[in-house]
């Protein structure tokens, strides 16, 4: 095994003759700085994302979600976010979803089932002013505020309490 020790000693001495401690520290520092900048490089993250899975229990959607007659809006009172830059379930840019909500049960004519819906106000901008709907099916007096649509739900939110529009999210199937 002396021959292995001789080879290791000779190669170590050859590296020591060609380099200094300063150059080793310089290379090590350059490697660390380069490695720390690696996460800053642009990466196409969307390509690796899994395709969105559709829920087999999701309701069938038919009709125009920008009109008050749309089935999800049976208990709504306010501006539709579908007309204000948002969608059925997401607030427009620059607004936040209110921390509290009211609920309702609406009948979907496409599949003949009743669904529990959560109506969420989007807060942070002044009122949208488009597609005002005031359907009070199942609305109750303010002694049951979680079922009432005549309440400013933005007051429970952080920051600006200005009301902008309302979204309608399906919570589940009504039994």
C-alpha atoms as a PDB file:
ATOM      1  CA  UNK A   1       0.000   0.000   0.000  1.00  0.00           C
ATOM      2  CA  UNK A   2       3.072   2.215   0.067  1.00  0.00           C
ATOM      3  CA  UNK A   3       2.637   2.849  -3.663  1.00  0.00           C
ATOM      4  CA  UNK A   4      -0.851   4.383  -3.022  1.00  0.00           C
ATOM      5  CA  UNK A   5       0.589   6.674  -0.375  1.00  0.00           C
ATOM      6  CA  UNK A   6       3.377   7.737  -2.774  1.00  0.00           C
ATOM      7  CA  UNK A   7       0.873   8.578  -5.562  1.00  0.00           C
ATOM      8  CA  UNK A   8      -1.347  10.590  -3.164  1.00  0.00           C
ATOM      9  CA  UNK A   9       1.669  12.475  -1.754  1.00  0.00           C
ATOM     10  CA  UNK A  10       3.074  13.287  -5.197  1.00  0.00           C
ATOM     11  CA  UNK A  11      -0.266  14.569  -6.551  1.00  0.00           C
ATOM     12  CA  UNK A  12      -0.889  16.685  -3.440  1.00  0.00           C
ATOM     13  CA  UNK A  13       2.596  18.246  -3.693  1.00  0.00           C
ATOM     14  CA  UNK A  14       2.058  18.972  -7.415  1.00  0.00           C
ATOM     15  CA  UNK A  15      -1.207  20.826  -6.671  1.00  0.00           C
ATOM     16  CA  UNK A  16       0.522  22.756  -3.850  1.00  0.00           C
ATOM     17  CA  UNK A  17       3.324  23.866  -6.226  1.00  0.00           C
ATOM     18  CA  UNK A  18       0.838  25.199  -8.833  1.00  0.00           C
ATOM     19  CA  UNK A  19      -1.619  26.978  -6.521  1.00  0.00           C
ATOM     20  CA  UNK A  20      -1.725  29.132  -3.403  1.00  0.00           C
ATOM     21  CA  UNK A  21      -4.142  29.403  -0.499  1.00  0.00           C
ATOM     22  CA  UNK A  22      -5.315  32.761  -1.786  1.00  0.00           C
ATOM     23  CA  UNK A  23      -6.271  31.336  -5.165  1.00  0.00           C
ATOM     24  CA  UNK A  24      -8.126  28.517  -3.454  1.00  0.00           C
ATOM     25  CA  UNK A  25     -10.062  31.013  -1.299  1.00  0.00           C
ATOM     26  CA  UNK A  26     -10.763  33.157  -4.377  1.00  0.00           C
ATOM     27  CA  UNK A  27     -12.170  30.233  -6.339  1.00  0.00           C
ATOM     28  CA  UNK A  28     -14.224  29.115  -3.357  1.00  0.00           C
ATOM     29  CA  UNK A  29     -15.668  32.634  -2.926  1.00  0.00           C
ATOM     30  CA  UNK A  30     -16.487  32.891  -6.647  1.00  0.00           C
ATOM     31  CA  UNK A  31     -18.230  29.517  -6.520  1.00  0.00           C
ATOM     32  CA  UNK A  32     -20.321  30.554  -3.492  1.00  0.00           C
ATOM     33  CA  UNK A  33     -21.345  33.878  -5.064  1.00  0.00           C
ATOM     34  CA  UNK A  34     -22.245  32.134  -8.332  1.00  0.00           C
ATOM     35  CA  UNK A  35     -24.263  29.489  -6.519  1.00  0.00           C
ATOM     36  CA  UNK A  36     -26.173  32.132  -4.555  1.00  0.00           C
ATOM     37  CA  UNK A  37     -27.156  33.901  -7.805  1.00  0.00           C
ATOM     38  CA  UNK A  38     -28.459  30.682  -9.377  1.00  0.00           C
ATOM     39  CA  UNK A  39     -32.013  31.005  -7.928  1.00  0.00           C
ATOM     40  CA  UNK A  40     -32.296  34.448  -9.556  1.00  0.00           C
ATOM     41  CA  UNK A  41     -32.159  33.012 -13.065  1.00  0.00           C
ATOM     42  CA  UNK A  42     -35.479  32.925 -14.940  1.00  0.00           C
ATOM     43  CA  UNK A  43     -37.198  29.550 -14.879  1.00  0.00           C
ATOM     44  CA  UNK A  44     -40.346  28.528 -16.717  1.00  0.00           C
ATOM     45  CA  UNK A  45     -42.338  27.300 -13.743  1.00  0.00           C
ATOM     46  CA  UNK A  46     -45.676  27.017 -15.520  1.00  0.00           C
ATOM     47  CA  UNK A  47     -44.496  24.220 -17.773  1.00  0.00           C
ATOM     48  CA  UNK A  48     -43.952  21.885 -14.837  1.00  0.00           C
ATOM     49  CA  UNK A  49     -47.323  22.609 -13.229  1.00  0.00           C
ATOM     50  CA  UNK A  50     -49.886  19.859 -13.311  1.00  0.00           C
ATOM     51  CA  UNK A  51     -53.012  20.547 -15.335  1.00  0.00           C
ATOM     52  CA  UNK A  52     -55.959  21.674 -13.249  1.00  0.00           C
ATOM     53  CA  UNK A  53     -58.123  18.757 -12.219  1.00  0.00           C
ATOM     54  CA  UNK A  54     -61.834  19.255 -12.627  1.00  0.00           C
ATOM     55  CA  UNK A  55     -64.044  18.329  -9.726  1.00  0.00           C
ATOM     56  CA  UNK A  56     -66.552  15.660 -10.782  1.00  0.00           C
ATOM     57  CA  UNK A  57     -69.016  17.085  -8.221  1.00  0.00           C
ATOM     58  CA  UNK A  58     -68.760  20.633  -9.604  1.00  0.00           C
ATOM     59  CA  UNK A  59     -72.035  22.033 -10.935  1.00  0.00           C
ATOM     60  CA  UNK A  60     -72.673  22.256 -14.645  1.00  0.00           C
ATOM     61  CA  UNK A  61     -72.403  25.881 -15.729  1.00  0.00           C
ATOM     62  CA  UNK A  62     -74.871  27.180 -18.296  1.00  0.00           C
ATOM     63  CA  UNK A  63     -76.026  30.717 -18.933  1.00  0.00           C
ATOM     64  CA  UNK A  64     -74.369  34.122 -18.934  1.00  0.00           C
ATOM     65  CA  UNK A  65     -72.550  34.961 -15.670  1.00  0.00           C
ATOM     66  CA  UNK A  66     -72.706  38.690 -16.506  1.00  0.00           C
ATOM     67  CA  UNK A  67     -76.497  38.840 -16.092  1.00  0.00           C
ATOM     68  CA  UNK A  68     -78.558  38.908 -12.905  1.00  0.00           C
ATOM     69  CA  UNK A  69     -80.592  35.911 -14.068  1.00  0.00           C
ATOM     70  CA  UNK A  70     -77.572  33.584 -13.805  1.00  0.00           C
ATOM     71  CA  UNK A  71     -78.419  30.743 -11.418  1.00  0.00           C
ATOM     72  CA  UNK A  72     -75.615  31.481  -8.918  1.00  0.00           C
ATOM     73  CA  UNK A  73     -76.948  34.966  -8.200  1.00  0.00           C
ATOM     74  CA  UNK A  74     -80.230  34.028  -6.492  1.00  0.00           C
ATOM     75  CA  UNK A  75     -79.161  35.654  -3.191  1.00  0.00           C
ATOM     76  CA  UNK A  76     -76.857  38.409  -4.405  1.00  0.00           C
ATOM     77  CA  UNK A  77     -77.085  42.132  -3.724  1.00  0.00           C
ATOM     78  CA  UNK A  78     -74.354  44.179  -5.389  1.00  0.00           C
ATOM     79  CA  UNK A  79     -72.210  44.576  -8.482  1.00  0.00           C
ATOM     80  CA  UNK A  80     -71.149  41.405 -10.312  1.00  0.00           C
ATOM     81  CA  UNK A  81     -67.378  40.903 -10.403  1.00  0.00           C
ATOM     82  CA  UNK A  82     -67.769  39.234 -13.806  1.00  0.00           C
ATOM     83  CA  UNK A  83     -68.547  42.724 -15.165  1.00  0.00           C
ATOM     84  CA  UNK A  84     -65.839  44.469 -13.120  1.00  0.00           C
ATOM     85  CA  UNK A  85     -62.647  42.695 -14.169  1.00  0.00           C
ATOM     86  CA  UNK A  86     -62.966  39.589 -12.009  1.00  0.00           C
ATOM     87  CA  UNK A  87     -64.642  36.236 -12.487  1.00  0.00           C
ATOM     88  CA  UNK A  88     -67.356  34.161 -10.819  1.00  0.00           C
ATOM     89  CA  UNK A  89     -64.954  33.127  -8.064  1.00  0.00           C
ATOM     90  CA  UNK A  90     -62.090  35.654  -8.033  1.00  0.00           C
ATOM     91  CA  UNK A  91     -61.909  39.347  -7.205  1.00  0.00           C
ATOM     92  CA  UNK A  92     -60.595  41.861  -9.757  1.00  0.00           C
ATOM     93  CA  UNK A  93     -56.966  42.983  -9.497  1.00  0.00           C
ATOM     94  CA  UNK A  94     -56.437  45.596  -6.807  1.00  0.00           C
ATOM     95  CA  UNK A  95     -59.181  44.278  -4.530  1.00  0.00           C
ATOM     96  CA  UNK A  96     -59.203  41.820  -1.658  1.00  0.00           C
ATOM     97  CA  UNK A  97     -61.806  39.266  -0.653  1.00  0.00           C
ATOM     98  CA  UNK A  98     -63.719  40.252   2.491  1.00  0.00           C
ATOM     99  CA  UNK A  99     -62.937  38.224   5.590  1.00  0.00           C
ATOM    100  CA  UNK A 100     -66.622  37.506   6.239  1.00  0.00           C
ATOM    101  CA  UNK A 101     -69.333  36.304   3.877  1.00  0.00           C
ATOM    102  CA  UNK A 102     -73.007  35.542   3.548  1.00  0.00           C
ATOM    103  CA  UNK A 103     -74.439  32.311   2.226  1.00  0.00           C
ATOM    104  CA  UNK A 104     -77.389  31.232   0.132  1.00  0.00           C
ATOM    105  CA  UNK A 105     -78.838  28.170  -1.564  1.00  0.00           C
ATOM    106  CA  UNK A 106     -79.556  28.347  -5.286  1.00  0.00           C
ATOM    107  CA  UNK A 107     -81.112  25.901  -7.727  1.00  0.00           C
ATOM    108  CA  UNK A 108     -79.040  25.048 -10.818  1.00  0.00           C
ATOM    109  CA  UNK A 109     -81.389  24.404 -13.748  1.00  0.00           C
ATOM    110  CA  UNK A 110     -78.619  22.684 -15.744  1.00  0.00           C
ATOM    111  CA  UNK A 111     -78.431  19.662 -13.423  1.00  0.00           C
ATOM    112  CA  UNK A 112     -81.561  20.141 -11.266  1.00  0.00           C
ATOM    113  CA  UNK A 113     -79.600  20.300  -7.996  1.00  0.00           C
ATOM    114  CA  UNK A 114     -79.448  22.867  -5.213  1.00  0.00           C
ATOM    115  CA  UNK A 115     -76.040  24.264  -4.197  1.00  0.00           C
ATOM    116  CA  UNK A 116     -74.826  26.180  -1.153  1.00  0.00           C
ATOM    117  CA  UNK A 117     -73.139  29.376  -2.301  1.00  0.00           C
ATOM    118  CA  UNK A 118     -70.813  31.751  -0.500  1.00  0.00           C
ATOM    119  CA  UNK A 119     -71.127  35.381  -1.567  1.00  0.00           C
ATOM    120  CA  UNK A 120     -67.872  37.226  -0.969  1.00  0.00           C
ATOM    121  CA  UNK A 121     -67.493  40.981  -1.337  1.00  0.00           C
ATOM    122  CA  UNK A 122     -64.349  42.308  -2.981  1.00  0.00           C
ATOM    123  CA  UNK A 123     -63.030  45.342  -1.135  1.00  0.00           C
ATOM    124  CA  UNK A 124     -60.451  48.058  -1.618  1.00  0.00           C
ATOM    125  CA  UNK A 125     -61.771  50.102  -4.554  1.00  0.00           C
ATOM    126  CA  UNK A 126     -64.869  52.220  -4.912  1.00  0.00           C
ATOM    127  CA  UNK A 127     -68.024  50.563  -6.242  1.00  0.00           C
ATOM    128  CA  UNK A 128     -67.722  49.095  -9.715  1.00  0.00           C
ATOM    129  CA  UNK A 129     -70.976  50.599 -10.969  1.00  0.00           C
ATOM    130  CA  UNK A 130     -71.704  47.910 -13.580  1.00  0.00           C
ATOM    131  CA  UNK A 131     -74.114  44.958 -13.501  1.00  0.00           C
ATOM    132  CA  UNK A 132     -75.982  45.798 -10.290  1.00  0.00           C
ATOM    133  CA  UNK A 133     -78.069  42.849  -9.103  1.00  0.00           C
ATOM    134  CA  UNK A 134     -80.461  42.802  -6.180  1.00  0.00           C
ATOM    135  CA  UNK A 135     -82.017  39.362  -5.900  1.00  0.00           C
ATOM    136  CA  UNK A 136     -83.216  38.680  -2.405  1.00  0.00           C
ATOM    137  CA  UNK A 137     -84.261  35.039  -2.611  1.00  0.00           C
ATOM    138  CA  UNK A 138     -83.790  33.618   0.878  1.00  0.00           C
ATOM    139  CA  UNK A 139     -82.614  36.919   2.355  1.00  0.00           C
ATOM    140  CA  UNK A 140     -83.282  37.285   6.085  1.00  0.00           C
ATOM    141  CA  UNK A 141     -83.394  40.306   8.400  1.00  0.00           C
ATOM    142  CA  UNK A 142     -80.160  41.497   9.993  1.00  0.00           C
ATOM    143  CA  UNK A 143     -80.764  39.436  13.135  1.00  0.00           C
ATOM    144  CA  UNK A 144     -79.269  36.603  11.026  1.00  0.00           C
ATOM    145  CA  UNK A 145     -76.447  38.569   9.368  1.00  0.00           C
ATOM    146  CA  UNK A 146     -74.737  35.548   7.805  1.00  0.00           C
ATOM    147  CA  UNK A 147     -77.841  35.051   5.642  1.00  0.00           C
ATOM    148  CA  UNK A 148     -78.376  38.735   4.834  1.00  0.00           C
ATOM    149  CA  UNK A 149     -77.104  40.478   1.746  1.00  0.00           C
ATOM    150  CA  UNK A 150     -77.906  43.997   3.063  1.00  0.00           C
ATOM    151  CA  UNK A 151     -74.723  44.383   5.049  1.00  0.00           C
ATOM    152  CA  UNK A 152     -71.320  45.878   4.234  1.00  0.00           C
ATOM    153  CA  UNK A 153     -69.175  42.750   4.509  1.00  0.00           C
ATOM    154  CA  UNK A 154     -65.981  44.745   3.881  1.00  0.00           C
ATOM    155  CA  UNK A 155     -66.022  46.129   7.443  1.00  0.00           C
ATOM    156  CA  UNK A 156     -64.448  42.894   8.714  1.00  0.00           C
ATOM    157  CA  UNK A 157     -61.513  43.193   6.309  1.00  0.00           C
ATOM    158  CA  UNK A 158     -58.046  44.602   6.804  1.00  0.00           C
ATOM    159  CA  UNK A 159     -57.265  47.942   5.225  1.00  0.00           C
ATOM    160  CA  UNK A 160     -59.707  49.771   2.991  1.00  0.00           C
ATOM    161  CA  UNK A 161     -63.375  48.906   3.604  1.00  0.00           C
ATOM    162  CA  UNK A 162     -64.704  50.305   0.329  1.00  0.00           C
ATOM    163  CA  UNK A 163     -67.012  47.842  -1.460  1.00  0.00           C
ATOM    164  CA  UNK A 164     -66.249  47.079  -5.127  1.00  0.00           C
ATOM    165  CA  UNK A 165     -68.151  43.951  -6.287  1.00  0.00           C
ATOM    166  CA  UNK A 166     -69.294  40.451  -5.244  1.00  0.00           C
ATOM    167  CA  UNK A 167     -68.219  36.943  -6.270  1.00  0.00           C
ATOM    168  CA  UNK A 168     -70.203  33.732  -5.905  1.00  0.00           C
ATOM    169  CA  UNK A 169     -68.405  30.529  -4.866  1.00  0.00           C
ATOM    170  CA  UNK A 170     -69.986  27.085  -4.699  1.00  0.00           C
ATOM    171  CA  UNK A 171     -69.411  25.641  -1.215  1.00  0.00           C
ATOM    172  CA  UNK A 172     -71.132  22.330  -1.737  1.00  0.00           C
ATOM    173  CA  UNK A 173     -74.251  20.434  -2.644  1.00  0.00           C
ATOM    174  CA  UNK A 174     -77.321  21.199  -0.544  1.00  0.00           C
ATOM    175  CA  UNK A 175     -78.786  18.079   1.071  1.00  0.00           C
END
